[in-house]
PDB file of N, CA and C in Angstrom:
ATOM      1  N   MET A   1       2.782  -7.077  28.032  1.00  0.00           N
ATOM      2  CA  MET A   1       2.830  -6.121  28.333  1.00  0.00           C
ATOM      3  C   MET A   1       3.964  -5.061  28.459  1.00  0.00           C
ATOM      4  N   ILE A   2       3.999  -4.240  28.041  1.00  0.00           N
ATOM      5  CA  ILE A   2       5.709  -3.441  27.730  1.00  0.00           C
ATOM      6  C   ILE A   2       5.542  -2.709  28.855  1.00  0.00           C
ATOM      7  N   SER A   3       6.870  -2.585  29.287  1.00  0.00           N
ATOM      8  CA  SER A   3       7.647  -1.918  30.431  1.00  0.00           C
ATOM      9  C   SER A   3       7.798  -0.371  30.606  1.00  0.00           C
ATOM     10  N   ASP A   4       8.223  -0.275  29.376  1.00  0.00           N
ATOM     11  CA  ASP A   4       8.717   1.240  29.353  1.00  0.00           C
ATOM     12  C   ASP A   4       7.393   1.877  28.783  1.00  0.00           C
ATOM     13  N   PRO A   5       7.069   3.059  29.687  1.00  0.00           N
ATOM     14  CA  PRO A   5       5.959   3.954  29.116  1.00  0.00           C
ATOM     15  C   PRO A   5       6.200   4.478  27.736  1.00  0.00           C
ATOM     16  N   THR A   6       7.258   4.960  27.631  1.00  0.00           N
ATOM     17  CA  THR A   6       7.279   5.838  26.284  1.00  0.00           C
ATOM     18  C   THR A   6       6.555   4.928  25.146  1.00  0.00           C
ATOM     19  N   VAL A   7       7.474   3.473  24.881  1.00  0.00           N
ATOM     20  CA  VAL A   7       7.238   2.440  24.302  1.00  0.00           C
ATOM     21  C   VAL A   7       5.848   1.807  23.970  1.00  0.00           C
ATOM     22  N   ASN A   8       5.346   2.060  25.273  1.00  0.00           N
ATOM     23  CA  ASN A   8       3.938   1.904  25.277  1.00  0.00           C
ATOM     24  C   ASN A   8       2.864   3.022  24.701  1.00  0.00           C
ATOM     25  N   GLN A   9       3.761   4.131  24.771  1.00  0.00           N
ATOM     26  CA  GLN A   9       3.006   5.384  24.157  1.00  0.00           C
ATOM     27  C   GLN A   9       2.854   5.177  22.671  1.00  0.00           C
ATOM     28  N   VAL A  10       4.050   4.975  22.463  1.00  0.00           N
ATOM     29  CA  VAL A  10       4.265   4.658  21.112  1.00  0.00           C
ATOM     30  C   VAL A  10       3.169   3.846  20.117  1.00  0.00           C
ATOM     31  N   ALA A  11       3.043   2.835  21.005  1.00  0.00           N
ATOM     32  CA  ALA A  11       2.321   1.518  20.696  1.00  0.00           C
ATOM     33  C   ALA A  11       0.721   2.245  20.669  1.00  0.00           C
ATOM     34  N   ARG A  12       0.481   2.903  21.497  1.00  0.00           N
ATOM     35  CA  ARG A  12      -0.873   3.495  21.130  1.00  0.00           C
ATOM     36  C   ARG A  12      -1.334   4.539  20.086  1.00  0.00           C
ATOM     37  N   ALA A  13       0.159   5.525  19.981  1.00  0.00           N
ATOM     38  CA  ALA A  13      -0.342   6.400  18.714  1.00  0.00           C
ATOM     39  C   ALA A  13      -0.100   5.517  17.762  1.00  0.00           C
ATOM     40  N   ALA A  14       0.757   4.419  17.542  1.00  0.00           N
ATOM     41  CA  ALA A  14       0.279   3.921  16.130  1.00  0.00           C
ATOM     42  C   ALA A  14      -0.897   3.240  16.208  1.00  0.00           C
ATOM     43  N   GLU A  15      -1.613   2.741  17.030  1.00  0.00           N
ATOM     44  CA  GLU A  15      -3.010   1.888  16.919  1.00  0.00           C
ATOM     45  C   GLU A  15      -3.831   3.237  16.569  1.00  0.00           C
ATOM     46  N   THR A  16      -3.550   3.985  16.860  1.00  0.00           N
ATOM     47  CA  THR A  16      -4.727   5.462  16.882  1.00  0.00           C
ATOM     48  C   THR A  16      -4.611   5.628  15.397  1.00  0.00           C
ATOM     49  N   VAL A  17      -3.631   6.152  14.758  1.00  0.00           N
ATOM     50  CA  VAL A  17      -3.186   6.324  13.539  1.00  0.00           C
ATOM     51  C   VAL A  17      -3.573   5.408  12.411  1.00  0.00           C
ATOM     52  N   LEU A  18      -2.869   3.874  12.679  1.00  0.00           N
ATOM     53  CA  LEU A  18      -3.392   2.970  11.943  1.00  0.00           C
ATOM     54  C   LEU A  18      -4.707   2.476  12.093  1.00  0.00           C
ATOM     55  N   GLY A  19      -5.260   2.752  12.932  1.00  0.00           N
ATOM     56  CA  GLY A  19      -6.666   2.288  12.731  1.00  0.00           C
ATOM     57  C   GLY A  19      -6.591   0.603  13.185  1.00  0.00           C
ATOM     58  N   ARG A  20      -5.902  -0.385  13.772  1.00  0.00           N
ATOM     59  CA  ARG A  20      -5.814  -1.667  14.220  1.00  0.00           C
ATOM     60  C   ARG A  20      -4.814  -1.611  15.230  1.00  0.00           C
ATOM     61  N   SER A  21      -5.164  -2.758  16.000  1.00  0.00           N
ATOM     62  CA  SER A  21      -4.067  -3.168  17.424  1.00  0.00           C
ATOM     63  C   SER A  21      -2.593  -3.139  16.473  1.00  0.00           C
ATOM     64  N   VAL A  22      -1.451  -2.940  17.124  1.00  0.00           N
ATOM     65  CA  VAL A  22      -0.308  -3.337  16.564  1.00  0.00           C
ATOM     66  C   VAL A  22       0.385  -3.995  18.092  1.00  0.00           C
ATOM     67  N   HIS A  23       1.394  -5.369  17.958  1.00  0.00           N
ATOM     68  CA  HIS A  23       2.435  -5.965  18.737  1.00  0.00           C
ATOM     69  C   HIS A  23       3.548  -4.919  18.543  1.00  0.00           C
ATOM     70  N   VAL A  24       4.168  -4.240  19.432  1.00  0.00           N
ATOM     71  CA  VAL A  24       5.776  -4.012  19.408  1.00  0.00           C
ATOM     72  C   VAL A  24       6.125  -3.997  20.299  1.00  0.00           C
ATOM     73  N   THR A  25       7.465  -3.870  20.124  1.00  0.00           N
ATOM     74  CA  THR A  25       9.000  -4.049  21.157  1.00  0.00           C
ATOM     75  C   THR A  25       9.548  -2.926  21.004  1.00  0.00           C
ATOM     76  N   ALA A  26      10.801  -2.833  21.763  1.00  0.00           N
ATOM     77  CA  ALA A  26      11.669  -1.637  21.437  1.00  0.00           C
ATOM     78  C   ALA A  26      12.266  -1.950  20.241  1.00  0.00           C
ATOM     79  N   ALA A  27      12.439  -3.256  19.819  1.00  0.00           N
ATOM     80  CA  ALA A  27      13.008  -3.568  18.463  1.00  0.00           C
ATOM     81  C   ALA A  27      12.279  -3.736  17.090  1.00  0.00           C
ATOM     82  N   SER A  28      11.051  -3.807  17.528  1.00  0.00           N
ATOM     83  CA  SER A  28      10.258  -3.208  16.256  1.00  0.00           C
ATOM     84  C   SER A  28      10.524  -2.430  15.297  1.00  0.00           C
ATOM     85  N   ASP A  29      10.739  -2.391  14.112  1.00  0.00           N
ATOM     86  CA  ASP A  29      10.997  -1.463  12.770  1.00  0.00           C
ATOM     87  C   ASP A  29       9.877  -1.120  12.354  1.00  0.00           C
ATOM     88  N   ILE A  30       9.743   0.075  12.345  1.00  0.00           N
ATOM     89  CA  ILE A  30       8.304   0.785  12.290  1.00  0.00           C
ATOM     90  C   ILE A  30       8.070   0.408  10.869  1.00  0.00           C
ATOM     91  N   SER A  31       8.691   0.761   9.833  1.00  0.00           N
ATOM     92  CA  SER A  31       8.392   0.229   8.742  1.00  0.00           C
ATOM     93  C   SER A  31       8.023  -0.862   8.097  1.00  0.00           C
ATOM     94  N   ARG A  32       9.215  -2.162   8.445  1.00  0.00           N
ATOM     95  CA  ARG A  32       8.948  -3.317   8.165  1.00  0.00           C
ATOM     96  C   ARG A  32       7.824  -3.792   8.951  1.00  0.00           C
ATOM     97  N   ASP A  33       7.911  -3.688  10.364  1.00  0.00           N
ATOM     98  CA  ASP A  33       6.874  -4.478  11.359  1.00  0.00           C
ATOM     99  C   ASP A  33       5.863  -4.099  11.576  1.00  0.00           C
ATOM    100  N   LEU A  34       5.731  -2.799  11.569  1.00  0.00           N
ATOM    101  CA  LEU A  34       4.341  -2.248  11.707  1.00  0.00           C
ATOM    102  C   LEU A  34       3.765  -1.674  10.383  1.00  0.00           C
ATOM    103  N   ALA A  35       4.349  -1.841   9.351  1.00  0.00           N
ATOM    104  CA  ALA A  35       3.699  -1.571   8.131  1.00  0.00           C
ATOM    105  C   ALA A  35       3.480   0.062   7.933  1.00  0.00           C
ATOM    106  N   VAL A  36       4.153   0.714   8.479  1.00  0.00           N
ATOM    107  CA  VAL A  36       4.277   2.353   8.502  1.00  0.00           C
ATOM    108  C   VAL A  36       4.784   2.989   7.446  1.00  0.00           C
ATOM    109  N   ASP A  37       3.987   3.756   6.631  1.00  0.00           N
ATOM    110  CA  ASP A  37       4.693   4.412   5.170  1.00  0.00           C
ATOM    111  C   ASP A  37       5.416   5.813   6.244  1.00  0.00           C
ATOM    112  N   SER A  38       5.416   7.043   5.061  1.00  0.00           N
ATOM    113  CA  SER A  38       6.163   8.246   5.828  1.00  0.00           C
ATOM    114  C   SER A  38       5.112   8.587   6.156  1.00  0.00           C
ATOM    115  N   LEU A  39       3.631   9.201   5.467  1.00  0.00           N
ATOM    116  CA  LEU A  39       2.384  10.051   6.090  1.00  0.00           C
ATOM    117  C   LEU A  39       2.392   9.080   7.485  1.00  0.00           C
ATOM    118  N   ALA A  40       1.889   7.792   7.757  1.00  0.00           N
ATOM    119  CA  ALA A  40       1.605   7.146   9.007  1.00  0.00           C
ATOM    120  C   ALA A  40       2.558   7.552  10.132  1.00  0.00           C
ATOM    121  N   LEU A  41       3.893   7.550   9.804  1.00  0.00           N
ATOM    122  CA  LEU A  41       5.044   7.756  10.483  1.00  0.00           C
ATOM    123  C   LEU A  41       4.721   9.673  10.972  1.00  0.00           C
ATOM    124  N   MET A  42       4.353  10.320  10.133  1.00  0.00           N
ATOM    125  CA  MET A  42       4.044  11.899  10.389  1.00  0.00           C
ATOM    126  C   MET A  42       2.549  11.681  11.238  1.00  0.00           C
ATOM    127  N   ASN A  43       2.291  11.080  10.922  1.00  0.00           N
ATOM    128  CA  ASN A  43       0.960  11.417  12.092  1.00  0.00           C
ATOM    129  C   ASN A  43       0.876  11.008  13.213  1.00  0.00           C
ATOM    130  N   ILE A  44       1.596   9.578  13.514  1.00  0.00           N
ATOM    131  CA  ILE A  44       2.051   9.256  14.899  1.00  0.00           C
ATOM    132  C   ILE A  44       3.146  10.136  15.626  1.00  0.00           C
ATOM    133  N   VAL A  45       3.881  10.769  14.891  1.00  0.00           N
ATOM    134  CA  VAL A  45       4.891  11.847  15.400  1.00  0.00           C
ATOM    135  C   VAL A  45       3.873  12.827  15.896  1.00  0.00           C
ATOM    136  N   MET A  46       3.288  13.286  15.545  1.00  0.00           N
ATOM    137  CA  MET A  46       1.996  14.138  16.015  1.00  0.00           C
ATOM    138  C   MET A  46       1.335  14.031  16.888  1.00  0.00           C
ATOM    139  N   GLU A  47       0.774  12.464  17.034  1.00  0.00           N
ATOM    140  CA  GLU A  47       0.060  11.982  18.360  1.00  0.00           C
ATOM    141  C   GLU A  47       1.033  12.264  19.208  1.00  0.00           C
ATOM    142  N   LEU A  48       2.303  11.814  19.140  1.00  0.00           N
ATOM    143  CA  LEU A  48       3.328  11.912  19.987  1.00  0.00           C
ATOM    144  C   LEU A  48       3.856  13.246  20.614  1.00  0.00           C
ATOM    145  N   GLU A  49       3.992  13.990  19.744  1.00  0.00           N
ATOM    146  CA  GLU A  49       4.112  15.519  19.882  1.00  0.00           C
ATOM    147  C   GLU A  49       3.178  16.175  21.201  1.00  0.00           C
ATOM    148  N   ASP A  50       1.791  15.596  20.556  1.00  0.00           N
ATOM    149  CA  ASP A  50       0.520  16.026  21.453  1.00  0.00           C
ATOM    150  C   ASP A  50       0.337  15.709  22.901  1.00  0.00           C
ATOM    151  N   HIS A  51       0.917  14.449  22.723  1.00  0.00           N
ATOM    152  CA  HIS A  51       0.648  13.636  24.197  1.00  0.00           C
ATOM    153  C   HIS A  51       1.661  14.040  25.267  1.00  0.00           C
ATOM    154  N   PHE A  52       3.072  14.133  24.778  1.00  0.00           N
ATOM    155  CA  PHE A  52       4.159  14.653  25.358  1.00  0.00           C
ATOM    156  C   PHE A  52       4.399  16.134  25.546  1.00  0.00           C
ATOM    157  N   ASP A  53       3.488  16.950  24.640  1.00  0.00           N
ATOM    158  CA  ASP A  53       3.659  18.229  24.666  1.00  0.00           C
ATOM    159  C   ASP A  53       5.279  18.934  24.306  1.00  0.00           C
ATOM    160  N   ILE A  54       5.746  17.968  23.355  1.00  0.00           N
ATOM    161  CA  ILE A  54       6.900  18.187  22.541  1.00  0.00           C
ATOM    162  C   ILE A  54       6.940  18.542  21.279  1.00  0.00           C
ATOM    163  N   SER A  55       8.001  18.782  20.604  1.00  0.00           N
ATOM    164  CA  SER A  55       8.130  18.939  18.916  1.00  0.00           C
ATOM    165  C   SER A  55       9.541  18.199  19.010  1.00  0.00           C
ATOM    166  N   ILE A  56       9.264  17.404  18.069  1.00  0.00           N
ATOM    167  CA  ILE A  56      10.051  16.370  17.208  1.00  0.00           C
ATOM    168  C   ILE A  56      10.661  16.662  15.833  1.00  0.00           C
ATOM    169  N   PRO A  57      12.078  17.221  15.711  1.00  0.00           N
ATOM    170  CA  PRO A  57      12.433  17.677  14.682  1.00  0.00           C
ATOM    171  C   PRO A  57      12.427  17.139  13.631  1.00  0.00           C
ATOM    172  N   ILE A  58      11.973  17.198  12.223  1.00  0.00           N
ATOM    173  CA  ILE A  58      12.003  15.945  11.121  1.00  0.00           C
ATOM    174  C   ILE A  58      13.217  15.568  11.139  1.00  0.00           C
ATOM    175  N   ASP A  59      14.442  16.699  11.255  1.00  0.00           N
ATOM    176  CA  ASP A  59      15.629  15.968  10.720  1.00  0.00           C
ATOM    177  C   ASP A  59      15.834  14.498  11.395  1.00  0.00           C
ATOM    178  N   ARG A  60      15.753  14.488  12.526  1.00  0.00           N
ATOM    179  CA  ARG A  60      16.262  13.870  13.824  1.00  0.00           C
ATOM    180  C   ARG A  60      15.136  12.315  13.299  1.00  0.00           C
ATOM    181  N   LEU A  61      14.247  12.516  12.853  1.00  0.00           N
ATOM    182  CA  LEU A  61      13.534  11.238  12.149  1.00  0.00           C
ATOM    183  C   LEU A  61      14.320  10.492  11.449  1.00  0.00           C
ATOM    184  N   SER A  62      15.161  10.933  10.778  1.00  0.00           N
ATOM    185  CA  SER A  62      16.097  10.101   9.914  1.00  0.00           C
ATOM    186  C   SER A  62      17.006   8.891  10.731  1.00  0.00           C
ATOM    187  N   GLU A  63      16.888   9.200  12.111  1.00  0.00           N
ATOM    188  CA  GLU A  63      18.002   8.289  13.001  1.00  0.00           C
ATOM    189  C   GLU A  63      16.756   7.461  13.812  1.00  0.00           C
ATOM    190  N   VAL A  64      15.485   7.663  13.138  1.00  0.00           N
ATOM    191  CA  VAL A  64      14.800   6.387  13.948  1.00  0.00           C
ATOM    192  C   VAL A  64      14.118   5.211  13.020  1.00  0.00           C
ATOM    193  N   GLN A  65      14.656   4.196  13.250  1.00  0.00           N
ATOM    194  CA  GLN A  65      14.347   2.893  12.476  1.00  0.00           C
ATOM    195  C   GLN A  65      13.377   1.827  13.169  1.00  0.00           C
ATOM    196  N   THR A  66      13.644   1.872  14.598  1.00  0.00           N
ATOM    197  CA  THR A  66      12.675   0.752  15.598  1.00  0.00           C
ATOM    198  C   THR A  66      11.732   1.853  16.227  1.00  0.00           C
ATOM    199  N   VAL A  67      11.037   1.354  17.364  1.00  0.00           N
ATOM    200  CA  VAL A  67      10.541   1.649  17.881  1.00  0.00           C
ATOM    201  C   VAL A  67      10.975   2.073  19.287  1.00  0.00           C
ATOM    202  N   GLY A  68      12.129   1.430  19.769  1.00  0.00           N
ATOM    203  CA  GLY A  68      13.082   1.847  20.550  1.00  0.00           C
ATOM    204  C   GLY A  68      13.583   3.512  20.088  1.00  0.00           C
ATOM    205  N   ASP A  69      13.997   3.416  18.785  1.00  0.00           N
ATOM    206  CA  ASP A  69      15.024   4.349  18.233  1.00  0.00           C
ATOM    207  C   ASP A  69      13.624   5.846  18.590  1.00  0.00           C
ATOM    208  N   LEU A  70      12.496   5.761  18.080  1.00  0.00           N
ATOM    209  CA  LEU A  70      11.511   6.692  18.636  1.00  0.00           C
ATOM    210  C   LEU A  70      11.525   6.916  19.966  1.00  0.00           C
ATOM    211  N   SER A  71      11.423   5.801  20.655  1.00  0.00           N
ATOM    212  CA  SER A  71      11.175   6.190  21.987  1.00  0.00           C
ATOM    213  C   SER A  71      12.705   6.634  22.482  1.00  0.00           C
ATOM    214  N   SER A  72      13.644   6.579  22.717  1.00  0.00           N
ATOM    215  CA  SER A  72      14.808   7.080  22.965  1.00  0.00           C
ATOM    216  C   SER A  72      15.042   8.528  22.370  1.00  0.00           C
ATOM    217  N   LEU A  73      14.545   8.911  21.225  1.00  0.00           N
ATOM    218  CA  LEU A  73      14.335  10.122  20.803  1.00  0.00           C
ATOM    219  C   LEU A  73      13.302  11.254  21.841  1.00  0.00           C
ATOM    220  N   ILE A  74      12.329  10.239  21.835  1.00  0.00           N
ATOM    221  CA  ILE A  74      11.706  11.047  22.629  1.00  0.00           C
ATOM    222  C   ILE A  74      11.656  11.465  24.106  1.00  0.00           C
ATOM    223  N   ASP A  75      12.614  10.484  24.806  1.00  0.00           N
ATOM    224  CA  ASP A  75      12.931  10.551  25.861  1.00  0.00           C
ATOM    225  C   ASP A  75      14.027  11.757  26.075  1.00  0.00           C
ATOM    226  N   THR A  76      14.679  12.103  25.215  1.00  0.00           N
ATOM    227  CA  THR A  76      16.112  12.948  25.050  1.00  0.00           C
ATOM    228  C   THR A  76      15.471  14.383  24.921  1.00  0.00           C
ATOM    229  N   ILE A  77      14.648  14.421  23.931  1.00  0.00           N
ATOM    230  CA  ILE A  77      14.004  15.595  23.813  1.00  0.00           C
ATOM    231  C   ILE A  77      13.197  16.031  25.372  1.00  0.00           C
ATOM    232  N   ARG A  78      12.513  15.321  25.808  1.00  0.00           N
ATOM    233  CA  ARG A  78      12.053  15.492  27.197  1.00  0.00           C
ATOM    234  C   ARG A  78      12.497  15.879  27.898  1.00  0.00           C
ATOM    235  N   ASN A  79      13.934  14.918  27.981  1.00  0.00           N
ATOM    236  CA  ASN A  79      14.849  15.415  29.538  1.00  0.00           C
ATOM    237  C   ASN A  79      15.537  16.548  29.298  1.00  0.00           C
ATOM    238  N   LYS A  80      15.459  17.182  27.660  1.00  0.00           N
ATOM    239  CA  LYS A  80      16.616  18.433  27.768  1.00  0.00           C
ATOM    240  C   LYS A  80      15.322  19.806  28.215  1.00  0.00           C
ATOM    241  N   ALA A  81      13.851  19.495  28.127  1.00  0.00           N
ATOM    242  CA  ALA A  81      12.848  20.486  28.001  1.00  0.00           C
ATOM    243  C   ALA A  81      12.773  21.018  29.643  1.00  0.00           C
TER     244      ALA A  81
END
């Protein structure tokens, strides 16, 4: 079980969008390990935006490679709100 609730929610969003179970850690590479393409990533981001009631700027996604990167970005945005 993943202890970080934001990483856990990223995993849930990925499962919803991909329609399959995924095993993630903060170090999981979104593209390579989860086999997520850019369209699926955008759908995952939209799921997360809805869940956390935030807006994730598209230009900030270029910094995201791992689930931990996405989780940190979400936490940063949430803490500024």
